[in-house]
Amino acid sequence: MKLPNEKWLLNSLIDLILDKDTNQISRGVLVNYKNELEKTQNDRFVAYHLKKELSLLLIKQQASPNIVSFLSELSQHYNGLDVGMMIF
């Protein structure tokens, strides 16, 4: 099991933002949460909301293909955030 890691999350977001295969809709979501992570440094909060928002894009078929592999990796780092997540 991989552990939550703020540096990994930030680097992954930057890589996806710069990836030419990331569409504009996905990129907008990624930029928003990258900025939130830099501002708050609360990687668990960002990961939780990022998972929710990107999953909705996938359901609507509006996410880039590279988002699927990112969500899988994100779930490995932040497993179990969907249960009992407290929002401050």
PDB file of N, CA and C in Angstrom:
ATOM      1  N   MET A   1       0.842  -1.189   0.000  1.00  0.00           N
ATOM      2  CA  MET A   1       0.000   0.000   0.000  1.00  0.00           C
ATOM      3  C   MET A   1       0.886   1.251   0.000  1.00  0.00           C
ATOM      4  N   LYS A   2       0.489   2.194  -0.801  1.00  0.00           N
ATOM      5  CA  LYS A   2       1.218   3.454  -0.868  1.00  0.00           C
ATOM      6  C   LYS A   2       0.620   4.425   0.140  1.00  0.00           C
ATOM      7  N   LEU A   3       1.448   5.296   0.677  1.00  0.00           N
ATOM      8  CA  LEU A   3       1.003   6.238   1.693  1.00  0.00           C
ATOM      9  C   LEU A   3       0.681   7.594   1.082  1.00  0.00           C
ATOM     10  N   PRO A   4      -0.243   8.337   1.716  1.00  0.00           N
ATOM     11  CA  PRO A   4      -0.519   9.696   1.261  1.00  0.00           C
ATOM     12  C   PRO A   4       0.779  10.499   1.209  1.00  0.00           C
ATOM     13  N   ASN A   5       0.909  11.311   0.175  1.00  0.00           N
ATOM     14  CA  ASN A   5       2.153  12.019  -0.031  1.00  0.00           C
ATOM     15  C   ASN A   5       1.873  13.315  -0.779  1.00  0.00           C
ATOM     16  N   GLU A   6       1.998  14.436  -0.099  1.00  0.00           N
ATOM     17  CA  GLU A   6       1.696  15.738  -0.687  1.00  0.00           C
ATOM     18  C   GLU A   6       2.594  16.041  -1.886  1.00  0.00           C
ATOM     19  N   LYS A   7       3.877  15.704  -1.779  1.00  0.00           N
ATOM     20  CA  LYS A   7       4.804  15.980  -2.878  1.00  0.00           C
ATOM     21  C   LYS A   7       4.436  15.163  -4.113  1.00  0.00           C
ATOM     22  N   TRP A   8       4.110  13.886  -3.920  1.00  0.00           N
ATOM     23  CA  TRP A   8       3.694  13.049  -5.045  1.00  0.00           C
ATOM     24  C   TRP A   8       2.460  13.642  -5.719  1.00  0.00           C
ATOM     25  N   LEU A   9       1.485  14.051  -4.911  1.00  0.00           N
ATOM     26  CA  LEU A   9       0.248  14.596  -5.449  1.00  0.00           C
ATOM     27  C   LEU A   9       0.515  15.861  -6.255  1.00  0.00           C
ATOM     28  N   LEU A  10       1.288  16.774  -5.718  1.00  0.00           N
ATOM     29  CA  LEU A  10       1.591  18.019  -6.422  1.00  0.00           C
ATOM     30  C   LEU A  10       2.327  17.731  -7.736  1.00  0.00           C
ATOM     31  N   ASN A  11       3.330  16.873  -7.689  1.00  0.00           N
ATOM     32  CA  ASN A  11       4.075  16.540  -8.912  1.00  0.00           C
ATOM     33  C   ASN A  11       3.183  15.867  -9.952  1.00  0.00           C
ATOM     34  N   SER A  12       2.293  15.006  -9.516  1.00  0.00           N
ATOM     35  CA  SER A  12       1.375  14.326 -10.435  1.00  0.00           C
ATOM     36  C   SER A  12       0.431  15.319 -11.090  1.00  0.00           C
ATOM     37  N   LEU A  13      -0.077  16.258 -10.301  1.00  0.00           N
ATOM     38  CA  LEU A  13      -0.971  17.275 -10.856  1.00  0.00           C
ATOM     39  C   LEU A  13      -0.244  18.123 -11.897  1.00  0.00           C
ATOM     40  N   ILE A  14       0.954  18.532 -11.593  1.00  0.00           N
ATOM     41  CA  ILE A  14       1.732  19.341 -12.541  1.00  0.00           C
ATOM     42  C   ILE A  14       1.996  18.554 -13.821  1.00  0.00           C
ATOM     43  N   ASP A  15       2.379  17.292 -13.680  1.00  0.00           N
ATOM     44  CA  ASP A  15       2.640  16.462 -14.863  1.00  0.00           C
ATOM     45  C   ASP A  15       1.393  16.336 -15.740  1.00  0.00           C
ATOM     46  N   LEU A  16       0.239  16.121 -15.121  1.00  0.00           N
ATOM     47  CA  LEU A  16      -1.000  15.992 -15.889  1.00  0.00           C
ATOM     48  C   LEU A  16      -1.407  17.314 -16.538  1.00  0.00           C
ATOM     49  N   ILE A  17      -1.196  18.405 -15.838  1.00  0.00           N
ATOM     50  CA  ILE A  17      -1.529  19.725 -16.393  1.00  0.00           C
ATOM     51  C   ILE A  17      -0.695  19.989 -17.643  1.00  0.00           C
ATOM     52  N   LEU A  18       0.569  19.606 -17.605  1.00  0.00           N
ATOM     53  CA  LEU A  18       1.482  19.840 -18.724  1.00  0.00           C
ATOM     54  C   LEU A  18       1.356  18.797 -19.840  1.00  0.00           C
ATOM     55  N   ASP A  19       0.705  17.687 -19.559  1.00  0.00           N
ATOM     56  CA  ASP A  19       0.552  16.605 -20.528  1.00  0.00           C
ATOM     57  C   ASP A  19      -0.316  17.072 -21.691  1.00  0.00           C
ATOM     58  N   LYS A  20       0.181  16.928 -22.914  1.00  0.00           N
ATOM     59  CA  LYS A  20      -0.557  17.376 -24.096  1.00  0.00           C
ATOM     60  C   LYS A  20      -1.834  16.576 -24.314  1.00  0.00           C
ATOM     61  N   ASP A  21      -1.936  15.387 -23.713  1.00  0.00           N
ATOM     62  CA  ASP A  21      -3.122  14.550 -23.867  1.00  0.00           C
ATOM     63  C   ASP A  21      -4.247  14.913 -22.894  1.00  0.00           C
ATOM     64  N   THR A  22      -3.983  15.804 -21.973  1.00  0.00           N
ATOM     65  CA  THR A  22      -5.017  16.228 -21.019  1.00  0.00           C
ATOM     66  C   THR A  22      -5.913  17.260 -21.695  1.00  0.00           C
ATOM     67  N   ASN A  23      -7.218  16.974 -21.715  1.00  0.00           N
ATOM     68  CA  ASN A  23      -8.130  17.928 -22.358  1.00  0.00           C
ATOM     69  C   ASN A  23      -8.380  19.132 -21.446  1.00  0.00           C
ATOM     70  N   GLN A  24      -9.005  20.153 -21.993  1.00  0.00           N
ATOM     71  CA  GLN A  24      -9.194  21.419 -21.269  1.00  0.00           C
ATOM     72  C   GLN A  24     -10.087  21.264 -20.036  1.00  0.00           C
ATOM     73  N   ILE A  25     -11.094  20.429 -20.136  1.00  0.00           N
ATOM     74  CA  ILE A  25     -11.983  20.228 -18.983  1.00  0.00           C
ATOM     75  C   ILE A  25     -11.206  19.607 -17.826  1.00  0.00           C
ATOM     76  N   SER A  26     -10.473  18.540 -18.117  1.00  0.00           N
ATOM     77  CA  SER A  26      -9.671  17.881 -17.088  1.00  0.00           C
ATOM     78  C   SER A  26      -8.593  18.824 -16.558  1.00  0.00           C
ATOM     79  N   ARG A  27      -7.954  19.551 -17.464  1.00  0.00           N
ATOM     80  CA  ARG A  27      -6.882  20.471 -17.060  1.00  0.00           C
ATOM     81  C   ARG A  27      -7.417  21.536 -16.095  1.00  0.00           C
ATOM     82  N   GLY A  28      -8.603  22.054 -16.358  1.00  0.00           N
ATOM     83  CA  GLY A  28      -9.192  23.061 -15.472  1.00  0.00           C
ATOM     84  C   GLY A  28      -9.380  22.540 -14.057  1.00  0.00           C
ATOM     85  N   VAL A  29      -9.852  21.311 -13.938  1.00  0.00           N
ATOM     86  CA  VAL A  29     -10.038  20.686 -12.620  1.00  0.00           C
ATOM     87  C   VAL A  29      -8.686  20.506 -11.941  1.00  0.00           C
ATOM     88  N   LEU A  30      -7.710  20.019 -12.686  1.00  0.00           N
ATOM     89  CA  LEU A  30      -6.380  19.769 -12.128  1.00  0.00           C
ATOM     90  C   LEU A  30      -5.716  21.057 -11.650  1.00  0.00           C
ATOM     91  N   VAL A  31      -5.831  22.120 -12.442  1.00  0.00           N
ATOM     92  CA  VAL A  31      -5.243  23.409 -12.048  1.00  0.00           C
ATOM     93  C   VAL A  31      -5.897  23.926 -10.775  1.00  0.00           C
ATOM     94  N   ASN A  32      -7.209  23.808 -10.699  1.00  0.00           N
ATOM     95  CA  ASN A  32      -7.932  24.265  -9.518  1.00  0.00           C
ATOM     96  C   ASN A  32      -7.420  23.567  -8.256  1.00  0.00           C
ATOM     97  N   TYR A  33      -7.265  22.249  -8.321  1.00  0.00           N
ATOM     98  CA  TYR A  33      -6.829  21.513  -7.135  1.00  0.00           C
ATOM     99  C   TYR A  33      -5.341  21.642  -6.876  1.00  0.00           C
ATOM    100  N   LYS A  34      -4.544  21.875  -7.905  1.00  0.00           N
ATOM    101  CA  LYS A  34      -3.119  22.159  -7.690  1.00  0.00           C
ATOM    102  C   LYS A  34      -2.983  23.458  -6.901  1.00  0.00           C
ATOM    103  N   ASN A  35      -3.744  24.462  -7.298  1.00  0.00           N
ATOM    104  CA  ASN A  35      -3.721  25.741  -6.584  1.00  0.00           C
ATOM    105  C   ASN A  35      -4.204  25.587  -5.149  1.00  0.00           C
ATOM    106  N   GLU A  36      -5.233  24.794  -4.956  1.00  0.00           N
ATOM    107  CA  GLU A  36      -5.761  24.537  -3.603  1.00  0.00           C
ATOM    108  C   GLU A  36      -4.713  23.831  -2.743  1.00  0.00           C
ATOM    109  N   LEU A  37      -4.020  22.867  -3.316  1.00  0.00           N
ATOM    110  CA  LEU A  37      -2.986  22.143  -2.584  1.00  0.00           C
ATOM    111  C   LEU A  37      -1.837  23.073  -2.196  1.00  0.00           C
ATOM    112  N   GLU A  38      -1.421  23.923  -3.113  1.00  0.00           N
ATOM    113  CA  GLU A  38      -0.342  24.862  -2.811  1.00  0.00           C
ATOM    114  C   GLU A  38      -0.756  25.864  -1.737  1.00  0.00           C
ATOM    115  N   LYS A  39      -2.012  26.252  -1.754  1.00  0.00           N
ATOM    116  CA  LYS A  39      -2.514  27.241  -0.788  1.00  0.00           C
ATOM    117  C   LYS A  39      -2.707  26.625   0.602  1.00  0.00           C
ATOM    118  N   THR A  40      -3.316  25.451   0.665  1.00  0.00           N
ATOM    119  CA  THR A  40      -3.694  24.875   1.957  1.00  0.00           C
ATOM    120  C   THR A  40      -2.718  23.814   2.463  1.00  0.00           C
ATOM    121  N   GLN A  41      -1.990  23.193   1.569  1.00  0.00           N
ATOM    122  CA  GLN A  41      -1.099  22.076   1.894  1.00  0.00           C
ATOM    123  C   GLN A  41      -1.855  20.923   2.569  1.00  0.00           C
ATOM    124  N   ASN A  42      -3.147  20.843   2.313  1.00  0.00           N
ATOM    125  CA  ASN A  42      -3.987  19.783   2.863  1.00  0.00           C
ATOM    126  C   ASN A  42      -4.224  18.747   1.763  1.00  0.00           C
ATOM    127  N   ASP A  43      -3.260  17.840   1.591  1.00  0.00           N
ATOM    128  CA  ASP A  43      -3.325  16.889   0.495  1.00  0.00           C
ATOM    129  C   ASP A  43      -4.499  15.912   0.621  1.00  0.00           C
ATOM    130  N   ARG A  44      -4.893  15.568   1.815  1.00  0.00           N
ATOM    131  CA  ARG A  44      -6.025  14.645   1.981  1.00  0.00           C
ATOM    132  C   ARG A  44      -7.335  15.293   1.538  1.00  0.00           C
ATOM    133  N   PHE A  45      -7.526  16.534   1.890  1.00  0.00           N
ATOM    134  CA  PHE A  45      -8.712  17.274   1.453  1.00  0.00           C
ATOM    135  C   PHE A  45      -8.741  17.363  -0.068  1.00  0.00           C
ATOM    136  N   VAL A  46      -7.610  17.748  -0.651  1.00  0.00           N
ATOM    137  CA  VAL A  46      -7.519  17.895  -2.104  1.00  0.00           C
ATOM    138  C   VAL A  46      -7.739  16.550  -2.795  1.00  0.00           C
ATOM    139  N   ALA A  47      -7.111  15.499  -2.305  1.00  0.00           N
ATOM    140  CA  ALA A  47      -7.262  14.173  -2.914  1.00  0.00           C
ATOM    141  C   ALA A  47      -8.713  13.713  -2.875  1.00  0.00           C
ATOM    142  N   TYR A  48      -9.371  13.919  -1.760  1.00  0.00           N
ATOM    143  CA  TYR A  48     -10.770  13.514  -1.615  1.00  0.00           C
ATOM    144  C   TYR A  48     -11.650  14.197  -2.660  1.00  0.00           C
ATOM    145  N   HIS A  49     -11.536  15.507  -2.768  1.00  0.00           N
ATOM    146  CA  HIS A  49     -12.381  16.260  -3.698  1.00  0.00           C
ATOM    147  C   HIS A  49     -11.960  16.040  -5.149  1.00  0.00           C
ATOM    148  N   LEU A  50     -10.690  15.859  -5.372  1.00  0.00           N
ATOM    149  CA  LEU A  50     -10.189  15.578  -6.710  1.00  0.00           C
ATOM    150  C   LEU A  50     -10.740  14.248  -7.213  1.00  0.00           C
ATOM    151  N   LYS A  51     -10.740  13.236  -6.358  1.00  0.00           N
ATOM    152  CA  LYS A  51     -11.293  11.933  -6.730  1.00  0.00           C
ATOM    153  C   LYS A  51     -12.765  12.053  -7.109  1.00  0.00           C
ATOM    154  N   LYS A  52     -13.508  12.808  -6.325  1.00  0.00           N
ATOM    155  CA  LYS A  52     -14.936  12.972  -6.605  1.00  0.00           C
ATOM    156  C   LYS A  52     -15.163  13.688  -7.936  1.00  0.00           C
ATOM    157  N   GLU A  53     -14.463  14.782  -8.148  1.00  0.00           N
ATOM    158  CA  GLU A  53     -14.699  15.593  -9.349  1.00  0.00           C
ATOM    159  C   GLU A  53     -14.214  14.885 -10.617  1.00  0.00           C
ATOM    160  N   LEU A  54     -13.052  14.258 -10.548  1.00  0.00           N
ATOM    161  CA  LEU A  54     -12.558  13.548 -11.729  1.00  0.00           C
ATOM    162  C   LEU A  54     -13.413  12.318 -12.036  1.00  0.00           C
ATOM    163  N   SER A  55     -13.931  11.670 -11.020  1.00  0.00           N
ATOM    164  CA  SER A  55     -14.818  10.527 -11.242  1.00  0.00           C
ATOM    165  C   SER A  55     -16.089  10.963 -11.963  1.00  0.00           C
ATOM    166  N   LEU A  56     -16.603  12.121 -11.612  1.00  0.00           N
ATOM    167  CA  LEU A  56     -17.781  12.646 -12.315  1.00  0.00           C
ATOM    168  C   LEU A  56     -17.470  12.935 -13.778  1.00  0.00           C
ATOM    169  N   LEU A  57     -16.291  13.469 -14.047  1.00  0.00           N
ATOM    170  CA  LEU A  57     -15.899  13.700 -15.443  1.00  0.00           C
ATOM    171  C   LEU A  57     -15.822  12.380 -16.209  1.00  0.00           C
ATOM    172  N   LEU A  58     -15.327  11.352 -15.553  1.00  0.00           N
ATOM    173  CA  LEU A  58     -15.258  10.040 -16.206  1.00  0.00           C
ATOM    174  C   LEU A  58     -16.651   9.517 -16.534  1.00  0.00           C
ATOM    175  N   ILE A  59     -17.557   9.654 -15.594  1.00  0.00           N
ATOM    176  CA  ILE A  59     -18.934   9.195 -15.807  1.00  0.00           C
ATOM    177  C   ILE A  59     -19.566   9.938 -16.978  1.00  0.00           C
ATOM    178  N   LYS A  60     -19.300  11.223 -17.071  1.00  0.00           N
ATOM    179  CA  LYS A  60     -19.844  12.046 -18.160  1.00  0.00           C
ATOM    180  C   LYS A  60     -19.037  11.905 -19.450  1.00  0.00           C
ATOM    181  N   GLN A  61     -17.989  11.095 -19.420  1.00  0.00           N
ATOM    182  CA  GLN A  61     -17.079  10.871 -20.549  1.00  0.00           C
ATOM    183  C   GLN A  61     -16.442  12.177 -21.022  1.00  0.00           C
ATOM    184  N   GLN A  62     -16.065  13.022 -20.048  1.00  0.00           N
ATOM    185  CA  GLN A  62     -15.425  14.293 -20.357  1.00  0.00           C
ATOM    186  C   GLN A  62     -13.976  14.334 -19.888  1.00  0.00           C
ATOM    187  N   ALA A  63     -13.492  13.245 -19.329  1.00  0.00           N
ATOM    188  CA  ALA A  63     -12.118  13.212 -18.808  1.00  0.00           C
ATOM    189  C   ALA A  63     -11.169  12.685 -19.871  1.00  0.00           C
ATOM    190  N   SER A  64      -9.956  13.135 -19.808  1.00  0.00           N
ATOM    191  CA  SER A  64      -8.903  12.624 -20.686  1.00  0.00           C
ATOM    192  C   SER A  64      -8.589  11.177 -20.312  1.00  0.00           C
ATOM    193  N   PRO A  65      -8.124  10.370 -21.262  1.00  0.00           N
ATOM    194  CA  PRO A  65      -7.777   8.975 -20.956  1.00  0.00           C
ATOM    195  C   PRO A  65      -6.713   8.837 -19.863  1.00  0.00           C
ATOM    196  N   ASN A  66      -5.797   9.784 -19.765  1.00  0.00           N
ATOM    197  CA  ASN A  66      -4.742   9.686 -18.752  1.00  0.00           C
ATOM    198  C   ASN A  66      -5.285   9.877 -17.332  1.00  0.00           C
ATOM    199  N   ILE A  67      -6.490  10.363 -17.208  1.00  0.00           N
ATOM    200  CA  ILE A  67      -7.118  10.576 -15.895  1.00  0.00           C
ATOM    201  C   ILE A  67      -7.444   9.230 -15.238  1.00  0.00           C
ATOM    202  N   VAL A  68      -7.771   8.232 -16.030  1.00  0.00           N
ATOM    203  CA  VAL A  68      -8.113   6.916 -15.484  1.00  0.00           C
ATOM    204  C   VAL A  68      -6.933   6.336 -14.706  1.00  0.00           C
ATOM    205  N   SER A  69      -5.751   6.364 -15.312  1.00  0.00           N
ATOM    206  CA  SER A  69      -4.585   5.814 -14.614  1.00  0.00           C
ATOM    207  C   SER A  69      -4.215   6.666 -13.408  1.00  0.00           C
ATOM    208  N   PHE A  70      -4.389   7.981 -13.506  1.00  0.00           N
ATOM    209  CA  PHE A  70      -4.116   8.850 -12.365  1.00  0.00           C
ATOM    210  C   PHE A  70      -5.068   8.541 -11.208  1.00  0.00           C
ATOM    211  N   LEU A  71      -6.342   8.353 -11.497  1.00  0.00           N
ATOM    212  CA  LEU A  71      -7.306   8.043 -10.437  1.00  0.00           C
ATOM    213  C   LEU A  71      -6.975   6.725  -9.752  1.00  0.00           C
ATOM    214  N   SER A  72      -6.502   5.768 -10.508  1.00  0.00           N
ATOM    215  CA  SER A  72      -6.101   4.489  -9.926  1.00  0.00           C
ATOM    216  C   SER A  72      -4.930   4.686  -8.966  1.00  0.00           C
ATOM    217  N   GLU A  73      -3.938   5.440  -9.399  1.00  0.00           N
ATOM    218  CA  GLU A  73      -2.769   5.717  -8.561  1.00  0.00           C
ATOM    219  C   GLU A  73      -3.173   6.550  -7.336  1.00  0.00           C
ATOM    220  N   LEU A  74      -4.038   7.522  -7.539  1.00  0.00           N
ATOM    221  CA  LEU A  74      -4.526   8.366  -6.443  1.00  0.00           C
ATOM    222  C   LEU A  74      -5.226   7.521  -5.389  1.00  0.00           C
ATOM    223  N   SER A  75      -6.019   6.567  -5.830  1.00  0.00           N
ATOM    224  CA  SER A  75      -6.725   5.685  -4.899  1.00  0.00           C
ATOM    225  C   SER A  75      -5.765   4.822  -4.099  1.00  0.00           C
ATOM    226  N   GLN A  76      -4.639   4.454  -4.707  1.00  0.00           N
ATOM    227  CA  GLN A  76      -3.651   3.667  -3.979  1.00  0.00           C
ATOM    228  C   GLN A  76      -2.965   4.491  -2.893  1.00  0.00           C
ATOM    229  N   HIS A  77      -2.749   5.761  -3.162  1.00  0.00           N
ATOM    230  CA  HIS A  77      -2.099   6.634  -2.177  1.00  0.00           C
ATOM    231  C   HIS A  77      -3.076   7.102  -1.092  1.00  0.00           C
ATOM    232  N   TYR A  78      -4.318   7.303  -1.479  1.00  0.00           N
ATOM    233  CA  TYR A  78      -5.301   7.874  -0.554  1.00  0.00           C
ATOM    234  C   TYR A  78      -6.497   6.948  -0.414  1.00  0.00           C
ATOM    235  N   ASN A  79      -6.244   5.708  -0.123  1.00  0.00           N
ATOM    236  CA  ASN A  79      -7.271   4.697   0.053  1.00  0.00           C
ATOM    237  C   ASN A  79      -8.108   4.993   1.299  1.00  0.00           C
ATOM    238  N   GLY A  80      -9.412   4.884   1.165  1.00  0.00           N
ATOM    239  CA  GLY A  80     -10.299   5.018   2.306  1.00  0.00           C
ATOM    240  C   GLY A  80     -10.708   6.438   2.643  1.00  0.00           C
ATOM    241  N   LEU A  81     -10.385   7.406   1.798  1.00  0.00           N
ATOM    242  CA  LEU A  81     -10.764   8.783   2.108  1.00  0.00           C
ATOM    243  C   LEU A  81     -12.252   9.045   1.945  1.00  0.00           C
ATOM    244  N   ASP A  82     -12.940   8.144   1.249  1.00  0.00           N
ATOM    245  CA  ASP A  82     -14.373   8.362   1.017  1.00  0.00           C
ATOM    246  C   ASP A  82     -15.210   8.077   2.264  1.00  0.00           C
ATOM    247  N   VAL A  83     -14.623   7.418   3.238  1.00  0.00           N
ATOM    248  CA  VAL A  83     -15.364   7.044   4.443  1.00  0.00           C
ATOM    249  C   VAL A  83     -14.952   7.949   5.597  1.00  0.00           C
ATOM    250  N   GLY A  84     -15.906   8.649   6.161  1.00  0.00           N
ATOM    251  CA  GLY A  84     -15.650   9.433   7.347  1.00  0.00           C
ATOM    252  C   GLY A  84     -14.794  10.667   7.113  1.00  0.00           C
ATOM    253  N   MET A  85     -14.794  11.195   5.907  1.00  0.00           N
ATOM    254  CA  MET A  85     -13.987  12.386   5.601  1.00  0.00           C
ATOM    255  C   MET A  85     -14.621  13.601   6.251  1.00  0.00           C
ATOM    256  N   MET A  86     -13.857  14.287   7.048  1.00  0.00           N
ATOM    257  CA  MET A  86     -14.356  15.496   7.695  1.00  0.00           C
ATOM    258  C   MET A  86     -13.866  16.701   6.905  1.00  0.00           C
ATOM    259  N   ILE A  87     -14.774  17.598   6.632  1.00  0.00           N
ATOM    260  CA  ILE A  87     -14.460  18.808   5.878  1.00  0.00           C
ATOM    261  C   ILE A  87     -14.465  19.977   6.842  1.00  0.00           C
ATOM    262  N   PHE A  88     -13.390  20.727   6.847  1.00  0.00           N
ATOM    263  CA  PHE A  88     -13.286  21.890   7.731  1.00  0.00           C
ATOM    264  C   PHE A  88     -13.381  23.164   6.935  1.00  0.00           C
TER     265      PHE A  88
END
